[in-house]
Protein backbone atom coordinates (compact mmCIF):
# COMPACT_ATOMS: atom_id res chain seq x y z
CA MET A 1 31.89 -27.39 -3.79
CA SER A 2 28.27 -28.17 -4.60
CA VAL A 3 26.62 -26.90 -7.75
CA THR A 4 23.26 -27.50 -9.34
CA PRO A 5 22.91 -30.38 -11.83
CA SER A 6 21.62 -27.96 -14.47
CA GLU A 7 24.97 -26.39 -15.43
CA PRO A 8 24.55 -27.01 -19.20
CA THR A 9 21.71 -24.47 -19.21
CA ILE A 10 24.04 -21.68 -18.03
CA ALA A 11 25.07 -19.48 -20.96
CA ALA A 12 28.75 -19.49 -22.03
CA TYR A 13 30.88 -17.20 -24.18
CA PRO A 14 30.36 -18.04 -27.85
CA SER A 15 33.24 -19.37 -29.90
CA GLY A 16 35.39 -16.55 -31.23
CA SER A 17 35.09 -14.43 -28.09
CA THR A 18 38.07 -12.57 -26.68
CA VAL A 19 37.74 -11.55 -23.03
CA LEU A 20 39.75 -8.64 -21.63
CA VAL A 21 40.11 -8.94 -17.86
CA ILE A 22 41.19 -5.66 -16.24
CA GLY A 23 42.53 -6.38 -12.77
CA ALA A 24 43.63 -9.88 -13.75
CA SER A 25 46.02 -10.39 -10.81
CA GLY A 26 43.34 -9.93 -8.14
CA VAL A 27 41.23 -12.63 -6.54
CA ILE A 28 38.33 -12.10 -8.97
CA GLY A 29 40.33 -11.41 -12.12
CA SER A 30 42.66 -14.37 -11.61
CA ALA A 31 39.63 -16.61 -11.06
CA VAL A 32 38.18 -15.50 -14.41
CA VAL A 33 41.51 -16.20 -16.15
CA ARG A 34 41.74 -19.67 -14.55
CA HIS A 35 38.12 -20.40 -15.46
CA LEU A 36 38.74 -19.65 -19.15
CA ALA A 37 42.30 -20.97 -19.46
CA GLY A 38 42.49 -23.66 -22.09
CA ARG A 39 38.94 -23.02 -23.32
CA ALA A 40 38.65 -23.86 -27.02
CA GLY A 41 37.36 -20.97 -29.10
CA VAL A 42 37.82 -18.34 -26.37
CA SER A 43 40.85 -16.06 -25.93
CA VAL A 44 41.78 -14.12 -22.79
CA VAL A 45 43.78 -10.92 -22.40
CA ALA A 46 44.83 -10.75 -18.74
CA ALA A 47 45.59 -7.08 -18.03
CA ALA A 48 47.17 -5.82 -14.82
CA ARG A 49 50.13 -3.80 -13.63
CA ARG A 50 51.88 -7.08 -12.84
CA PRO A 51 49.95 -9.90 -14.56
CA GLU A 52 50.75 -13.51 -13.75
CA PRO A 53 52.63 -15.38 -16.50
CA PRO A 54 50.07 -17.20 -18.67
CA ASP A 55 49.84 -20.97 -18.23
CA ALA A 56 47.54 -21.68 -21.17
CA GLY A 57 47.88 -21.06 -24.87
CA ASN A 58 44.69 -19.01 -25.10
CA VAL A 59 45.82 -16.49 -22.44
CA VAL A 60 47.91 -13.38 -23.17
CA ALA A 61 49.36 -11.41 -20.26
CA LEU A 62 49.18 -7.64 -20.81
CA PRO A 63 51.14 -5.39 -18.40
CA VAL A 64 49.18 -2.14 -18.39
CA ASP A 65 49.02 1.06 -16.39
CA LEU A 66 45.67 2.69 -17.13
CA SER A 67 46.96 6.08 -16.01
CA ASP A 68 49.26 6.03 -19.06
CA ARG A 69 47.22 6.97 -22.13
CA SER A 70 49.77 5.29 -24.39
CA ALA A 71 49.18 1.94 -22.67
CA GLY A 72 48.06 -0.79 -25.06
CA ALA A 73 49.16 1.02 -28.19
CA GLY A 74 50.08 -1.44 -30.90
CA ASP A 75 48.89 -4.52 -29.02
CA ASP A 76 47.10 -6.67 -31.58
CA SER A 77 45.31 -8.79 -28.96
CA LEU A 78 43.10 -5.84 -27.95
CA ALA A 79 41.55 -5.35 -31.39
CA ALA A 80 39.80 -8.73 -31.10
CA VAL A 81 38.25 -8.05 -27.65
CA THR A 82 34.52 -8.73 -27.50
CA HIS A 83 33.96 -8.83 -23.72
CA LEU A 84 35.45 -6.71 -20.94
CA VAL A 85 35.48 -7.80 -17.30
CA TYR A 86 36.34 -4.93 -14.97
CA CYS A 87 37.49 -6.03 -11.52
CA ALA A 88 40.25 -3.53 -10.74
CA TYR A 89 40.28 -1.69 -7.42
CA VAL A 90 42.31 1.01 -5.69
CA ASP A 91 42.46 0.76 -1.91
CA ALA A 92 42.52 3.83 0.30
CA PRO A 93 42.14 4.49 4.04
CA GLY A 94 38.42 5.00 4.57
CA TRP A 95 35.29 4.62 2.45
CA GLN A 96 35.17 8.21 1.25
CA ALA A 97 38.83 8.21 0.24
CA GLN A 98 38.18 5.23 -2.06
CA ASN A 99 35.61 7.05 -4.18
CA GLU A 100 37.69 9.38 -6.32
CA PRO A 101 40.57 7.06 -7.28
CA ASN A 102 38.20 4.22 -8.18
CA ALA A 103 35.92 6.47 -10.20
CA LEU A 104 38.93 7.80 -12.10
CA LEU A 105 40.38 4.33 -12.66
CA PHE A 106 37.15 3.11 -14.20
CA GLU A 107 36.95 6.20 -16.37
CA ALA A 108 40.46 5.40 -17.62
CA ALA A 109 39.40 1.80 -18.29
CA THR A 110 36.40 2.79 -20.42
CA GLU A 111 38.57 5.23 -22.37
CA PHE A 112 41.14 2.45 -22.84
CA ALA A 113 38.41 0.19 -24.25
CA GLU A 114 37.15 2.92 -26.56
CA ARG A 115 40.65 3.46 -27.97
CA HIS A 116 41.71 -0.15 -28.41
CA CYS A 117 38.68 -2.45 -28.52
CA PRO A 118 36.51 -1.55 -31.53
CA GLY A 119 34.69 -4.91 -31.41
CA LEU A 120 33.68 -4.68 -27.75
CA ARG A 121 30.14 -5.94 -27.19
CA HIS A 122 29.71 -6.42 -23.43
CA VAL A 123 31.16 -5.02 -20.17
CA THR A 124 30.80 -6.76 -16.81
CA LEU A 125 31.30 -4.47 -13.80
CA LEU A 126 32.03 -5.89 -10.35
CA GLN A 127 30.42 -4.18 -7.36
CA GLY A 128 29.45 -5.55 -3.92
CA MET A 129 27.25 -5.28 -0.86
CA LYS A 130 28.49 -1.78 -0.07
CA ALA A 131 25.99 -0.70 -2.72
CA TYR A 132 23.39 -1.44 -0.02
CA GLY A 133 25.34 0.25 2.79
CA SER A 134 26.76 -2.92 4.35
CA HIS A 135 29.83 -0.92 5.40
CA LEU A 136 27.78 1.72 7.24
CA GLY A 137 25.91 -0.46 9.72
CA ARG A 138 22.57 -2.23 9.71
CA PHE A 139 20.83 -2.24 6.34
CA LYS A 140 17.73 -3.83 4.87
CA THR A 141 18.09 -7.61 4.54
CA PRO A 142 17.83 -9.56 2.44
CA ALA A 143 19.20 -6.90 0.10
CA ARG A 144 17.59 -6.85 -3.33
CA GLU A 145 18.85 -5.28 -6.52
CA SER A 146 15.74 -3.08 -6.64
CA ASP A 147 16.56 -1.45 -3.29
CA PRO A 148 17.21 2.31 -3.53
CA ARG A 149 20.73 3.67 -3.49
CA ILE A 150 22.15 4.71 -0.16
CA PRO A 151 22.22 8.50 0.42
CA HIS A 152 26.02 8.65 0.29
CA ARG A 153 28.39 8.80 -2.62
CA HIS A 154 29.98 5.48 -3.52
CA PHE A 155 32.23 4.73 -6.46
CA TYR A 156 30.00 1.79 -7.42
CA TYR A 157 27.37 4.30 -8.45
CA ASP A 158 29.92 6.53 -10.21
CA GLN A 159 31.20 3.57 -12.21
CA GLN A 160 27.77 2.21 -13.05
CA ASP A 161 26.45 5.58 -14.21
CA ARG A 162 29.50 6.12 -16.42
CA LEU A 163 29.18 2.61 -17.83
CA ALA A 164 25.49 3.03 -18.64
CA ALA A 165 26.19 6.32 -20.41
CA ARG A 166 29.16 5.02 -22.40
CA ALA A 167 27.34 1.79 -23.26
CA ALA A 168 24.42 3.78 -24.67
CA ALA A 169 26.79 5.90 -26.73
CA ARG A 170 28.97 3.03 -27.98
CA GLY A 171 26.38 0.29 -28.38
CA TRP A 172 27.80 -1.90 -25.62
CA ALA A 173 25.72 -4.19 -23.44
CA TRP A 174 26.58 -4.24 -19.73
CA THR A 175 25.89 -6.10 -16.49
CA ALA A 176 26.84 -5.32 -12.87
CA LEU A 177 27.44 -8.13 -10.37
CA ARG A 178 27.43 -7.79 -6.58
CA PRO A 179 29.35 -10.50 -4.68
CA HIS A 180 30.43 -10.34 -1.03
CA VAL A 181 33.86 -11.20 0.46
CA VAL A 182 35.27 -13.29 -2.36
CA ILE A 183 37.19 -16.46 -1.46
CA GLY A 184 40.01 -17.65 -3.73
CA PRO A 185 43.71 -18.49 -4.06
CA ALA A 186 45.09 -15.27 -5.58
CA ARG A 187 48.68 -14.42 -4.68
CA ARG A 188 48.52 -10.63 -4.78
CA SER A 189 45.00 -9.82 -3.67
CA PRO A 190 44.91 -8.73 -0.02
CA LEU A 191 41.10 -8.44 -0.09
CA ASN A 192 40.75 -12.22 -0.02
CA LEU A 193 39.00 -13.94 2.87
CA ALA A 194 40.79 -17.27 2.36
CA ALA A 195 44.21 -15.63 2.63
CA VAL A 196 43.12 -13.68 5.73
CA LEU A 197 42.04 -16.88 7.48
CA ALA A 198 45.13 -18.83 6.41
CA VAL A 199 47.67 -16.18 7.42
CA HIS A 200 45.91 -15.49 10.72
CA GLY A 201 45.94 -19.23 11.43
CA ALA A 202 49.61 -19.61 10.54
CA LEU A 203 50.55 -16.76 12.88
CA CYS A 204 48.42 -18.25 15.68
CA ARG A 205 50.26 -21.57 15.23
CA ALA A 206 53.67 -19.90 15.19
CA ARG A 207 52.85 -18.08 18.43
CA GLY A 208 51.44 -21.16 20.15
CA GLU A 209 47.92 -19.70 20.31
CA ALA A 210 44.56 -21.25 19.60
CA PHE A 211 42.75 -20.07 16.47
CA TYR A 212 40.71 -17.22 17.90
CA PHE A 213 38.02 -15.17 16.19
CA PRO A 214 39.44 -11.63 15.92
CA GLY A 215 36.23 -9.74 16.53
CA PRO A 216 33.42 -9.15 19.03
CA GLU A 217 30.77 -11.63 20.16
CA ALA A 218 28.09 -9.90 18.10
CA ALA A 219 30.09 -10.44 14.88
CA PHE A 220 30.67 -14.08 15.83
CA ASP A 221 26.89 -14.57 15.92
CA ALA A 222 25.73 -12.35 13.03
CA VAL A 223 24.38 -13.93 9.85
CA TYR A 224 26.98 -13.66 7.11
CA GLN A 225 27.63 -14.75 3.50
CA ALA A 226 30.49 -15.16 1.04
CA THR A 227 31.19 -15.75 -2.65
CA ASP A 228 33.54 -18.37 -4.03
CA ALA A 229 35.87 -16.98 -6.70
CA GLY A 230 35.21 -19.92 -9.01
CA LEU A 231 31.45 -19.50 -8.72
CA LEU A 232 31.80 -15.78 -9.41
CA ALA A 233 33.93 -16.47 -12.50
CA ARG A 234 31.13 -18.63 -13.89
CA ALA A 235 28.61 -15.88 -13.11
CA ILE A 236 30.81 -13.37 -14.95
CA GLU A 237 30.82 -15.57 -18.05
CA TRP A 238 27.06 -16.04 -17.82
CA ALA A 239 26.54 -12.27 -17.50
CA GLY A 240 28.49 -11.67 -20.69
CA ALA A 241 26.72 -14.39 -22.65
CA ASP A 242 23.05 -14.44 -21.61
CA PRO A 243 20.84 -11.69 -23.10
CA ARG A 244 18.69 -11.82 -19.96
CA ALA A 245 21.60 -10.28 -18.03
CA GLU A 246 21.99 -7.21 -20.24
CA GLY A 247 21.49 -3.89 -18.49
CA GLU A 248 20.83 -5.58 -15.15
CA ILE A 249 22.36 -5.81 -11.66
CA PHE A 250 22.63 -9.17 -9.90
CA ASN A 251 23.63 -10.27 -6.41
CA ILE A 252 26.03 -13.21 -6.71
CA THR A 253 26.81 -15.13 -3.53
CA ASN A 254 27.23 -18.80 -2.70
CA GLY A 255 23.50 -18.85 -1.99
CA ASP A 256 23.70 -19.90 1.65
CA PHE A 257 24.27 -18.10 4.95
CA PHE A 258 26.34 -18.88 8.02
CA ARG A 259 27.37 -17.64 11.44
CA TRP A 260 31.08 -17.58 12.21
CA ARG A 261 30.38 -19.32 15.53
CA HIS A 262 29.23 -22.44 13.68
CA LEU A 263 31.84 -22.28 10.92
CA TRP A 264 34.91 -21.50 13.06
CA PRO A 265 35.59 -25.09 14.29
CA ALA A 266 35.63 -26.41 10.70
CA ILE A 267 38.08 -23.69 9.64
CA ALA A 268 40.29 -24.48 12.64
CA ARG A 269 40.30 -28.19 11.73
CA ALA A 270 41.29 -27.35 8.17
CA LEU A 271 44.23 -25.36 9.54
CA GLU A 272 45.08 -28.07 12.10
CA LEU A 273 44.45 -25.71 15.01
CA GLU A 274 42.30 -25.63 18.12
CA PRO A 275 39.36 -23.24 17.76
CA ASP A 276 38.84 -20.42 20.23
CA GLY A 277 36.13 -17.83 20.68
CA PRO A 278 35.94 -14.10 20.04
CA ARG A 279 38.73 -11.71 20.93
CA PRO A 280 37.55 -8.16 20.11
CA GLU A 281 40.81 -6.79 18.76
CA LYS A 282 41.70 -4.90 15.61
CA LEU A 283 44.14 -6.91 13.51
CA ALA A 284 45.34 -3.73 11.82
CA GLU A 285 46.82 -2.85 15.22
CA THR A 286 47.84 -6.23 16.65
CA MET A 287 49.39 -7.43 13.39
CA ALA A 288 51.30 -4.22 12.73
CA GLY A 289 54.62 -5.96 13.45
CA ALA A 290 53.76 -9.37 11.98
CA GLY A 291 55.86 -8.93 8.84
CA ALA A 292 59.01 -10.29 10.47
CA ASP A 293 57.11 -13.29 11.89
CA TRP A 294 55.68 -14.01 8.45
CA ASP A 295 59.10 -13.76 6.76
CA ARG A 296 60.41 -16.38 9.22
CA LEU A 297 57.50 -18.69 8.33
CA VAL A 298 58.19 -18.21 4.62
CA ALA A 299 61.83 -19.20 5.11
CA ALA A 300 61.13 -22.08 7.48
CA HIS A 301 58.44 -23.66 5.28
CA ARG A 302 59.99 -22.69 1.91
CA LEU A 303 56.89 -20.84 0.84
CA GLU A 304 56.48 -18.48 -2.08
CA ALA A 305 58.35 -15.30 -1.19
CA ASN A 306 55.29 -13.09 -0.71
CA ARG A 307 55.28 -10.16 1.67
CA ILE A 308 52.49 -10.32 4.22
CA ASP A 309 51.08 -7.00 2.97
CA ASP A 310 50.74 -8.48 -0.51
CA LEU A 311 48.71 -11.39 0.86
CA VAL A 312 46.51 -9.81 3.51
CA SER A 313 44.84 -6.49 4.20
CA TRP A 314 44.28 -6.34 7.94
CA PRO A 315 41.82 -3.42 7.63
CA PHE A 316 39.79 -5.64 5.29
CA ALA A 317 39.96 -8.42 7.87
CA ASP A 318 38.70 -6.02 10.53
CA TYR A 319 35.83 -4.99 8.25
CA VAL A 320 34.80 -8.65 7.92
CA PHE A 321 35.27 -9.74 11.53
CA HIS A 322 33.79 -6.61 13.11
CA THR A 323 30.53 -6.65 11.17
CA THR A 324 28.02 -7.04 13.99
CA HIS A 325 24.89 -6.88 11.82
CA ASP A 326 23.45 -9.42 9.41
CA VAL A 327 24.73 -9.37 5.81
CA MET A 328 22.29 -11.14 3.53
CA ALA A 329 21.67 -10.73 -0.20
CA ASP A 330 18.69 -12.11 -2.08
CA THR A 331 19.84 -14.17 -5.10
CA LEU A 332 16.48 -15.00 -6.67
CA LYS A 333 16.95 -12.47 -9.48
CA CYS A 334 20.01 -14.20 -10.98
CA ARG A 335 18.28 -17.58 -10.73
CA ARG A 336 15.22 -16.30 -12.55
CA ALA A 337 17.56 -14.97 -15.25
CA GLY A 338 19.34 -18.29 -15.76
CA PHE A 339 22.31 -18.45 -13.39
CA LEU A 340 21.54 -21.54 -11.32
CA ALA A 341 24.92 -22.41 -9.77
CA PHE A 342 25.52 -22.30 -6.04
CA ALA A 343 28.13 -23.42 -3.50
CA GLU A 344 28.31 -24.51 0.13
CA SER A 345 30.30 -21.87 2.00
CA GLU A 346 31.90 -24.18 4.56
CA ALA A 347 33.11 -26.60 1.88
CA VAL A 348 34.37 -23.73 -0.27
CA ILE A 349 36.38 -22.12 2.54
CA VAL A 350 37.93 -25.44 3.59
CA GLU A 351 38.88 -26.25 -0.02
CA ARG A 352 40.33 -22.79 -0.69
CA LEU A 353 42.45 -23.03 2.46
CA ALA A 354 43.78 -26.39 1.29
CA GLU A 355 44.48 -24.89 -2.13
CA LEU A 356 46.55 -22.08 -0.63
CA ARG A 357 48.62 -24.66 1.21
CA ARG A 358 49.06 -26.85 -1.89
CA LEU A 359 50.32 -23.83 -3.79
CA ARG A 360 52.88 -23.16 -1.02
CA ILE A 361 51.45 -19.70 -0.41
CA VAL A 362 50.78 -20.42 3.28
CA PRO A 363 52.20 -23.13 5.60
């Protein structure tokens, strides 16, 4: 992964900070926990329904169900929280169906913080390109943070409006970040592009097929972008530490663009497969019975015993591989505000695929 040589100028959490990560088992939340693990002077409370066991002395795992108002009661680690990173998400079939549960979950999270985190100073909210209508078809590119909201309800707006109101009332600072298709090694985050590619490749190999692109020709050729989980974790820390980020929205991507047609051979090589071209199918349909095939691969290769549905969301994969229009975000605003890191998407994807294999998550 390539980054700028000016990393020391990127703001970091001050000593004495305690960071509460809500959604700590997902691809973004787990990246934040890894990024801060072992950091001197910074503590982490990793909150999730099923948090990973901590592997550093400065990390506390907090099993929490935000729908339970008694959650967190009596937990001393919460009283010291200074920064909240909200990256939880509730999936639902269809864009409109996602609005209400995600709005309610964030409402529960802010109430949780109000009850248990009296020293909270900053909240970082994770959004994405759907704020610009990327899920609805062609939209203005490159998308800029100053672009008007789309004329449809989206829970990003619900969450941001609630956050701005609560921050004003409670004296919190806040920042919203907008990545796109995050790439990382999380074990229980189906909305993870690296896992989608790795599992699709493993099933192609098991079936004796070449590594085909599961989408139409137009998606194969559209301009696309991605965000490395490690890069995003650093942006999250910057957002919570740099005063220039307060009350602002920032696009956070790797900073480059690609077309799947040009990237596909490198991904195939990383997976030790022969690349093939587009096949306009819906993986949610063709992979409906893949669970048994995956279980056989897990047993044969002695992998972590993860169910395929815990690793991959095929509807998410279809969203990515059936996007036939350009997806491009302008990232000049975050650079002007002090976040200067970037990454090369091809190198990131290849490295994250290798990481998944080293961790014995995929064969």
